[in-house]
Amino acid sequence: MRRMLVCVALAVTVGALLLSACSKRDTGVQFWHAMGGPLGDTLDVLVAEYNRTHPGQEVQSIGNANYEALSQKIMGAVAAGQPPDLAQVYEAWTAELIENGSVEPLTEYVNGPNGLSAEELADFLPGMIENNTWDGVLYSVPFNKSVRALYWNKDLFATEGLTHAPTTWAEYMDYARRLTKDLDGDGQVDQWGTAGEISAWMFENLLIQNGGAVVTPDGSRAAFDAPEGVEALEYMVKLLTEYGKVTGGYEYQNDFQAGKVGMIEGSTVSLSFMKDKYTFHMATAPLPVGKQSGCLVAGTNVVIFADAPVQHKEAAWEFIRWFTSPEVTARWAAATGYAPVRKSAMDTPLMVRRFEEVEGWRGVFDQFTFAGYEPRTPAWYAGRKALQEVGVESALRKQKAPLEALTDAAAAVNAELGAR
């Protein structure tokens, strides 16, 4: 009986794999992503439009709960020899997929009859094509990219005679101090200058602005524990714990929307989730500048998998071309808060109107002119988590001083980097 059950289980497993393979071939291009909420809704609308206007090249939008779930699903599918045709990926994932030969080089598609001209490639935002290129070969294309923005409550600012967003670290700290108040005299703060979550991304931006680097130039070791990093984390701790509050999840956005916080940092995409949830006059601004301007781009790219059927690869490439065209990427950006990945999209009527609707929005996106990118080594996905949990979180929770927190985080990241 046991042998028969094992045989039945094997038959079911093999049958499921065969069914999955047939399904993928029969129902169009499978696109795995982690877009949810209003972002997923916008993506589904665009995919549906693409399918209507490209008969015979249907794209299936298959959402996943979050990036962690998407990563596990992709790596499991690759190991089982059943990857999707197209998927959203971080650079660290791409590097790993390149190592095992799982992703399709895109250079031949770019140079093919349905490719991209030199002018079109140059139209992508600064650094985006280079960041998706390994050893001269393009393996991915930018999909959902964002930078950090400062959101500020103009009404609360006006109570202190503040007429513009902070532009320097010194102003940032001073404004946060002036806006932090005990309004009812009970000895407890009930209006904060700022608020934020535990975020490696916020620290990384401060680090770059302070003249530091995340890793060494060759990517082999952590560099964020240098004096520039310690100063940046000390600043972050003071800002968020003396004149602000550290919250879990998106509570800091809720407090801002309720008028309890003067200013917060967030992704440009945060605007989509705060839409119509505040009653005050809100404006946006680029990040306040430290020793230098600087910011790191967040978000993912898309890849085509090497094991996809030839016709699916061609259809996936056509979808990529369509999605990253100036007109479509402008629609994606206007609806979601992600950046349009093409320079020319910034000047489309839709984006010009969006810049008029959201005060300071154009300046926020101008940060892409000097933006950098996170490390692309396969180990960085785990390394970034170590930086956030071992370094940033322990310092913000006052469990360790910034120097000790970053020293310990660097040791954890170096262990990840050395394991590759």
Protein backbone atom coordinates (compact mmCIF):
# COMPACT_ATOMS: atom_id res chain seq x y z
CA MET A 1 0.00 0.00 0.00
CA ARG A 2 2.81 2.42 0.92
CA ARG A 3 4.60 1.72 -2.42
CA MET A 4 1.34 2.37 -4.28
CA LEU A 5 0.81 5.67 -2.45
CA VAL A 6 4.35 6.79 -3.30
CA CYS A 7 3.75 5.96 -6.95
CA VAL A 8 0.48 7.86 -6.91
CA ALA A 9 2.18 10.86 -5.29
CA LEU A 10 4.93 10.81 -7.92
CA ALA A 11 2.38 10.58 -10.69
CA VAL A 12 0.47 13.54 -9.27
CA THR A 13 3.67 15.59 -8.94
CA VAL A 14 4.84 14.83 -12.46
CA GLY A 15 1.36 15.48 -13.76
CA ALA A 16 1.25 18.85 -12.01
CA LEU A 17 4.58 19.85 -13.54
CA LEU A 18 3.47 18.77 -16.99
CA LEU A 19 0.19 20.62 -16.55
CA SER A 20 2.08 23.72 -15.44
CA ALA A 21 4.35 23.53 -18.47
CA CYS A 22 1.42 23.05 -20.85
CA SER A 23 -0.52 25.82 -19.14
CA LYS A 24 2.39 28.20 -19.54
CA ARG A 25 2.63 27.42 -23.23
CA ASP A 26 -1.09 27.63 -23.87
CA THR A 27 -2.12 30.72 -21.89
CA GLY A 28 0.51 33.28 -22.81
CA VAL A 29 3.43 34.96 -21.06
CA GLN A 30 3.49 34.48 -17.30
CA PHE A 31 4.63 37.65 -15.53
CA TRP A 32 5.36 37.18 -11.82
CA HIS A 33 5.48 40.32 -9.68
CA ALA A 34 4.85 41.61 -6.16
CA MET A 35 2.72 44.66 -6.91
CA GLY A 36 -0.29 44.90 -4.60
CA GLY A 37 -2.96 47.43 -3.62
CA PRO A 38 -3.27 50.45 -5.93
CA LEU A 39 0.04 49.53 -7.57
CA GLY A 40 -1.23 46.10 -8.56
CA ASP A 41 -4.50 47.60 -9.74
CA THR A 42 -2.65 49.99 -12.04
CA LEU A 43 -0.43 47.21 -13.36
CA ASP A 44 -3.45 45.03 -14.11
CA VAL A 45 -5.10 47.88 -16.04
CA LEU A 46 -1.99 48.36 -18.17
CA VAL A 47 -1.56 44.64 -18.77
CA ALA A 48 -5.20 44.36 -19.82
CA GLU A 49 -4.70 47.22 -22.27
CA TYR A 50 -1.58 45.56 -23.65
CA ASN A 51 -3.49 42.33 -24.19
CA ARG A 52 -6.29 44.15 -26.02
CA THR A 53 -3.87 45.92 -28.34
CA HIS A 54 -1.52 42.96 -28.90
CA PRO A 55 -3.71 39.97 -29.81
CA GLY A 56 -1.87 36.68 -29.71
CA GLN A 57 0.69 37.98 -27.19
CA GLU A 58 -1.29 37.73 -23.95
CA VAL A 59 0.52 38.54 -20.72
CA GLN A 60 -0.73 36.99 -17.48
CA SER A 61 -0.21 39.26 -14.47
CA ILE A 62 0.46 36.92 -11.52
CA GLY A 63 0.87 38.74 -8.22
CA ASN A 64 2.67 37.53 -5.10
CA ALA A 65 2.19 38.61 -1.50
CA ASN A 66 5.51 40.47 -1.19
CA TYR A 67 9.08 40.51 -2.46
CA GLU A 68 10.20 37.79 -0.06
CA ALA A 69 7.48 35.47 -1.33
CA LEU A 70 8.32 36.37 -4.91
CA SER A 71 12.01 35.63 -4.38
CA GLN A 72 11.29 32.23 -2.86
CA LYS A 73 8.84 31.37 -5.61
CA ILE A 74 11.26 32.35 -8.38
CA MET A 75 14.21 30.47 -6.91
CA GLY A 76 12.07 27.41 -6.25
CA ALA A 77 10.67 27.47 -9.79
CA VAL A 78 14.15 27.84 -11.28
CA ALA A 79 15.40 24.89 -9.22
CA ALA A 80 12.44 22.81 -10.43
CA GLY A 81 13.05 23.79 -14.04
CA GLN A 82 9.67 25.58 -14.24
CA PRO A 83 10.42 29.33 -14.12
CA PRO A 84 7.94 31.92 -15.39
CA ASP A 85 8.57 33.73 -18.67
CA LEU A 86 9.00 37.17 -17.14
CA ALA A 87 9.49 38.35 -13.56
CA GLN A 88 10.21 41.32 -11.38
CA VAL A 89 13.64 41.01 -9.69
CA TYR A 90 16.12 42.95 -7.59
CA GLU A 91 19.66 43.31 -8.89
CA ALA A 92 20.99 40.89 -6.26
CA TRP A 93 18.57 38.24 -7.54
CA THR A 94 19.59 38.95 -11.13
CA ALA A 95 23.25 38.43 -10.29
CA GLU A 96 22.45 35.03 -8.80
CA LEU A 97 20.27 34.07 -11.75
CA ILE A 98 23.05 35.06 -14.15
CA GLU A 99 25.47 32.82 -12.27
CA ASN A 100 23.27 29.77 -12.81
CA GLY A 101 22.36 30.67 -16.39
CA SER A 102 18.66 31.12 -15.68
CA VAL A 103 18.05 34.49 -17.32
CA GLU A 104 18.06 35.43 -20.98
CA PRO A 105 20.64 37.99 -22.20
CA LEU A 106 18.69 40.89 -23.68
CA THR A 107 21.40 42.47 -25.82
CA GLU A 108 20.33 40.54 -28.92
CA TYR A 109 16.76 41.77 -28.45
CA VAL A 110 17.96 45.35 -28.05
CA ASN A 111 20.02 45.07 -31.24
CA GLY A 112 17.36 43.13 -33.16
CA PRO A 113 14.75 44.41 -35.60
CA ASN A 114 12.30 45.00 -32.74
CA GLY A 115 14.98 46.51 -30.52
CA LEU A 116 15.92 49.87 -29.08
CA SER A 117 17.96 52.52 -30.89
CA ALA A 118 20.95 54.24 -29.35
CA GLU A 119 18.77 57.30 -28.84
CA GLU A 120 16.14 55.26 -27.02
CA LEU A 121 18.73 53.67 -24.74
CA ALA A 122 20.14 57.11 -23.96
CA ASP A 123 16.61 58.24 -23.06
CA PHE A 124 16.50 56.02 -19.97
CA LEU A 125 17.17 57.83 -16.70
CA PRO A 126 20.85 58.19 -15.70
CA GLY A 127 22.55 54.95 -14.72
CA MET A 128 19.58 52.68 -15.35
CA ILE A 129 20.93 50.84 -18.38
CA GLU A 130 24.37 50.49 -16.79
CA ASN A 131 22.82 49.16 -13.58
CA ASN A 132 21.07 46.43 -15.59
CA THR A 133 24.21 45.45 -17.50
CA TRP A 134 26.75 42.81 -16.42
CA ASP A 135 30.06 42.46 -18.28
CA GLY A 136 28.71 44.41 -21.23
CA VAL A 137 25.51 42.34 -21.50
CA LEU A 138 22.06 43.72 -20.69
CA TYR A 139 20.14 41.18 -18.61
CA SER A 140 17.28 43.24 -17.17
CA VAL A 141 15.28 46.39 -17.77
CA PRO A 142 14.12 48.91 -15.10
CA PHE A 143 10.54 48.38 -14.03
CA ASN A 144 9.46 50.07 -10.80
CA LYS A 145 12.02 52.60 -9.58
CA SER A 146 11.70 55.23 -6.87
CA VAL A 147 13.72 57.61 -4.74
CA ARG A 148 13.01 58.97 -1.28
CA ALA A 149 10.97 62.14 -0.89
CA LEU A 150 10.32 64.48 2.01
CA TYR A 151 6.60 65.03 2.66
CA TRP A 152 5.80 68.10 4.77
CA ASN A 153 2.71 69.64 6.36
CA LYS A 154 2.61 73.26 5.22
CA ASP A 155 0.00 74.17 7.84
CA LEU A 156 2.10 72.92 10.76
CA PHE A 157 5.18 74.56 9.29
CA ALA A 158 3.32 77.88 9.11
CA THR A 159 2.66 77.79 12.88
CA GLU A 160 6.42 78.10 13.34
CA GLY A 161 6.89 80.64 10.55
CA LEU A 162 8.53 78.01 8.34
CA THR A 163 7.83 78.66 4.68
CA HIS A 164 9.89 76.01 2.91
CA ALA A 165 11.06 72.46 3.34
CA PRO A 166 14.44 71.91 5.01
CA THR A 167 17.25 71.84 2.49
CA THR A 168 20.19 70.86 4.72
CA TRP A 169 20.78 68.42 7.56
CA ALA A 170 21.05 71.36 9.98
CA GLU A 171 17.66 72.72 8.90
CA TYR A 172 16.15 69.25 9.02
CA MET A 173 17.16 68.83 12.66
CA ASP A 174 16.19 72.39 13.59
CA TYR A 175 12.76 72.16 11.98
CA ALA A 176 12.09 68.82 13.65
CA ARG A 177 13.05 70.33 17.03
CA ARG A 178 10.77 73.36 16.56
CA LEU A 179 7.80 71.23 15.47
CA THR A 180 8.04 68.78 18.40
CA LYS A 181 5.62 70.01 21.06
CA ASP A 182 3.59 69.19 24.14
CA LEU A 183 0.40 70.91 23.03
CA ASP A 184 -1.77 70.28 26.09
CA GLY A 185 0.88 70.79 28.79
CA ASP A 186 0.63 67.30 30.27
CA GLY A 187 4.35 66.64 29.94
CA GLN A 188 3.94 64.31 26.99
CA VAL A 189 4.80 65.09 23.37
CA ASP A 190 1.73 64.98 21.17
CA GLN A 191 3.11 66.66 18.02
CA TRP A 192 6.35 65.38 16.54
CA GLY A 193 8.71 67.05 14.13
CA THR A 194 9.17 63.84 12.19
CA ALA A 195 8.60 60.10 12.34
CA GLY A 196 9.83 57.05 10.48
CA GLU A 197 10.18 53.33 10.32
CA ILE A 198 13.34 51.30 10.87
CA SER A 199 14.87 51.65 7.44
CA ALA A 200 18.20 50.65 5.96
CA TRP A 201 17.26 52.79 2.95
CA MET A 202 17.05 55.99 5.03
CA PHE A 203 20.43 55.24 6.57
CA GLU A 204 21.99 54.46 3.18
CA ASN A 205 20.87 57.82 1.83
CA LEU A 206 22.31 59.65 4.83
CA LEU A 207 25.51 57.63 4.43
CA ILE A 208 25.94 58.67 0.78
CA GLN A 209 25.15 62.29 1.61
CA ASN A 210 27.84 62.19 4.28
CA GLY A 211 30.47 61.04 1.77
CA GLY A 212 30.38 57.37 2.74
CA ALA A 213 29.81 54.16 0.80
CA VAL A 214 27.78 51.03 1.42
CA VAL A 215 30.52 48.59 0.36
CA THR A 216 34.11 48.84 -0.84
CA PRO A 217 34.66 49.62 -4.55
CA ASP A 218 35.22 45.95 -5.38
CA GLY A 219 32.08 44.95 -3.45
CA SER A 220 33.98 42.51 -1.26
CA ARG A 221 33.47 44.12 2.15
CA ALA A 222 31.13 46.47 3.99
CA ALA A 223 32.19 50.11 4.09
CA PHE A 224 29.26 51.64 6.00
CA ASP A 225 31.00 51.22 9.37
CA ALA A 226 33.54 53.94 8.51
CA PRO A 227 33.37 57.29 10.37
CA GLU A 228 31.04 58.69 7.70
CA GLY A 229 28.58 55.91 8.44
CA VAL A 230 28.78 56.30 12.20
CA GLU A 231 28.09 60.05 11.86
CA ALA A 232 25.15 59.35 9.57
CA LEU A 233 23.60 56.84 11.98
CA GLU A 234 24.17 59.16 14.95
CA TYR A 235 22.29 61.86 13.04
CA MET A 236 19.46 59.47 12.17
CA VAL A 237 19.12 58.30 15.79
CA LYS A 238 18.99 61.84 17.14
CA LEU A 239 16.50 63.00 14.51
CA LEU A 240 14.08 60.11 14.98
CA THR A 241 14.33 59.59 18.74
CA GLU A 242 14.69 63.14 20.10
CA TYR A 243 12.49 65.08 17.69
CA GLY A 244 10.51 62.27 16.16
CA LYS A 245 9.14 58.81 16.79
CA VAL A 246 10.07 55.40 15.44
CA THR A 247 7.04 53.36 14.46
CA GLY A 248 6.26 49.91 13.17
CA GLY A 249 4.97 49.38 9.67
CA TYR A 250 3.31 52.43 8.17
CA GLU A 251 2.11 53.97 11.43
CA TYR A 252 4.38 56.97 10.79
CA GLN A 253 2.44 57.70 7.59
CA ASN A 254 -0.85 57.44 9.47
CA ASP A 255 0.38 59.91 12.11
CA PHE A 256 1.50 62.30 9.38
CA GLN A 257 -1.85 62.05 7.61
CA ALA A 258 -3.60 62.76 10.93
CA GLY A 259 -1.63 66.00 11.31
CA LYS A 260 0.40 64.78 14.30
CA VAL A 261 3.78 64.89 12.53
CA GLY A 262 5.35 67.80 10.67
CA MET A 263 7.32 65.90 8.04
CA ILE A 264 8.25 62.38 7.05
CA GLU A 265 10.47 60.65 4.54
CA GLY A 266 9.05 58.01 2.27
CA SER A 267 9.29 56.52 -1.17
CA THR A 268 7.75 58.50 -4.00
CA VAL A 269 5.28 55.61 -4.09
CA SER A 270 4.07 56.55 -0.60
CA LEU A 271 2.02 59.27 -2.28
CA SER A 272 -0.28 56.62 -3.79
CA PHE A 273 -1.10 55.23 -0.36
CA MET A 274 -1.60 58.65 1.29
CA LYS A 275 -3.83 60.02 -1.47
CA ASP A 276 -7.00 61.67 -0.13
CA LYS A 277 -6.16 60.68 3.47
CA TYR A 278 -5.04 64.11 4.75
CA THR A 279 -6.87 67.42 5.08
CA PHE A 280 -3.94 69.85 5.38
CA HIS A 281 -1.82 71.47 2.69
CA MET A 282 0.93 68.98 1.87
CA ALA A 283 4.00 69.53 -0.25
CA THR A 284 7.00 67.41 -1.22
CA ALA A 285 10.70 68.11 -1.53
CA PRO A 286 14.01 66.40 -2.28
CA LEU A 287 15.93 65.02 0.68
CA PRO A 288 17.81 67.60 2.76
CA VAL A 289 21.48 67.65 1.75
CA GLY A 290 24.41 66.68 3.96
CA LYS A 291 28.03 67.17 2.87
CA GLN A 292 26.84 66.45 -0.66
CA SER A 293 23.70 65.65 -2.63
CA GLY A 294 23.04 61.96 -2.92
CA CYS A 295 20.37 59.32 -2.97
CA LEU A 296 20.01 55.65 -3.76
CA VAL A 297 17.38 54.32 -6.14
CA ALA A 298 15.05 51.61 -4.89
CA GLY A 299 12.89 49.17 -6.79
CA THR A 300 13.19 46.29 -9.20
CA ASN A 301 13.78 45.39 -12.82
CA VAL A 302 12.33 42.69 -15.06
CA VAL A 303 14.06 39.69 -16.62
CA ILE A 304 13.14 37.09 -19.22
CA PHE A 305 13.97 33.51 -18.27
CA ALA A 306 16.22 31.41 -20.47
CA ASP A 307 13.96 28.33 -20.30
CA ALA A 308 10.91 30.17 -21.62
CA PRO A 309 9.60 29.09 -25.03
CA VAL A 310 11.07 31.17 -27.86
CA GLN A 311 7.72 32.71 -28.77
CA HIS A 312 7.17 33.68 -25.14
CA LYS A 313 10.56 35.35 -24.97
CA GLU A 314 9.74 37.43 -28.02
CA ALA A 315 6.33 38.35 -26.61
CA ALA A 316 7.89 39.19 -23.22
CA TRP A 317 10.39 41.49 -24.93
CA GLU A 318 7.58 43.22 -26.84
CA PHE A 319 5.77 43.80 -23.52
CA ILE A 320 8.96 45.25 -21.99
CA ARG A 321 9.37 47.61 -24.95
CA TRP A 322 5.76 48.71 -24.66
CA PHE A 323 5.80 49.14 -20.87
CA THR A 324 8.99 51.24 -20.93
CA SER A 325 7.88 53.46 -23.81
CA PRO A 326 7.66 57.16 -22.83
CA GLU A 327 3.88 57.27 -22.99
CA VAL A 328 3.23 54.11 -20.95
CA THR A 329 5.93 54.68 -18.34
CA ALA A 330 4.50 58.19 -17.83
CA ARG A 331 1.07 56.66 -17.15
CA TRP A 332 2.62 54.14 -14.74
CA ALA A 333 4.46 56.94 -12.93
CA ALA A 334 1.52 59.34 -12.73
CA ALA A 335 -0.74 56.65 -11.26
CA THR A 336 1.71 55.00 -8.84
CA GLY A 337 4.44 57.46 -7.83
CA TYR A 338 7.18 55.35 -9.37
CA ALA A 339 9.54 57.20 -11.66
CA PRO A 340 8.98 57.19 -15.39
CA VAL A 341 12.08 55.34 -16.55
CA ARG A 342 12.53 57.52 -19.64
CA LYS A 343 13.75 61.14 -19.61
CA SER A 344 11.35 62.17 -22.36
CA ALA A 345 8.43 60.88 -20.27
CA MET A 346 9.06 63.68 -17.77
CA ASP A 347 7.88 66.20 -20.36
CA THR A 348 4.74 64.39 -21.48
CA PRO A 349 1.50 66.32 -20.81
CA LEU A 350 0.49 63.73 -18.23
CA MET A 351 3.67 64.12 -16.14
CA VAL A 352 3.71 67.90 -16.53
CA ARG A 353 0.17 67.95 -15.14
CA ARG A 354 1.21 65.65 -12.28
CA PHE A 355 4.10 67.96 -11.42
CA GLU A 356 1.60 70.83 -11.23
CA GLU A 357 -0.75 68.85 -8.99
CA VAL A 358 1.86 67.81 -6.39
CA GLU A 359 3.92 70.68 -5.09
CA GLY A 360 7.64 69.97 -5.25
CA TRP A 361 7.20 66.71 -7.18
CA ARG A 362 9.46 67.67 -10.08
CA GLY A 363 12.31 68.46 -7.71
CA VAL A 364 11.92 65.06 -6.06
CA PHE A 365 12.36 63.29 -9.40
CA ASP A 366 15.28 65.55 -10.30
CA GLN A 367 17.23 63.55 -7.70
CA PHE A 368 17.63 60.87 -10.37
CA THR A 369 20.22 63.10 -12.06
CA PHE A 370 22.72 62.29 -9.29
CA ALA A 371 21.27 59.04 -7.91
CA GLY A 372 23.24 55.88 -7.27
CA TYR A 373 22.30 52.24 -6.86
CA GLU A 374 22.72 49.58 -4.18
CA PRO A 375 25.30 46.79 -4.46
CA ARG A 376 24.42 44.11 -7.04
CA THR A 377 26.23 41.15 -5.51
CA PRO A 378 23.99 38.10 -4.88
CA ALA A 379 24.81 38.35 -1.18
CA TRP A 380 23.47 41.87 -0.79
CA TYR A 381 19.83 40.85 -0.41
CA ALA A 382 20.74 39.10 2.84
CA GLY A 383 23.40 41.70 3.60
CA ARG A 384 20.92 44.56 3.46
CA LYS A 385 18.67 42.74 5.90
CA ALA A 386 21.63 42.37 8.28
CA LEU A 387 22.42 46.09 7.97
CA GLN A 388 18.84 46.97 8.87
CA GLU A 389 18.33 44.51 11.72
CA VAL A 390 21.79 44.32 13.28
CA GLY A 391 22.84 47.91 12.58
CA VAL A 392 20.03 50.40 12.14
CA GLU A 393 17.39 48.77 14.35
CA SER A 394 19.65 48.14 17.34
CA ALA A 395 20.83 51.77 17.25
CA LEU A 396 17.33 53.25 16.92
CA ARG A 397 16.08 51.08 19.78
CA LYS A 398 19.05 52.30 21.87
CA GLN A 399 20.28 48.74 22.34
CA LYS A 400 23.71 49.67 20.99
CA ALA A 401 25.61 52.86 20.24
CA PRO A 402 25.85 53.61 16.48
CA LEU A 403 29.54 52.61 16.30
CA GLU A 404 28.94 49.23 17.94
CA ALA A 405 25.78 48.64 15.91
CA LEU A 406 27.52 49.29 12.59
CA THR A 407 30.60 47.29 13.58
CA ASP A 408 28.41 44.28 14.33
CA ALA A 409 26.38 44.82 11.17
CA ALA A 410 29.55 45.02 9.06
CA ALA A 411 30.74 41.71 10.51
CA ALA A 412 27.41 40.11 9.57
CA VAL A 413 27.48 41.59 6.05
CA ASN A 414 31.11 40.55 5.53
CA ALA A 415 30.15 37.01 6.49
CA GLU A 416 27.47 37.09 3.79
CA LEU A 417 29.84 38.57 1.21
CA GLY A 418 32.61 36.13 2.11
CA ALA A 419 30.28 33.18 1.77
CA ARG A 420 29.86 33.79 -1.98
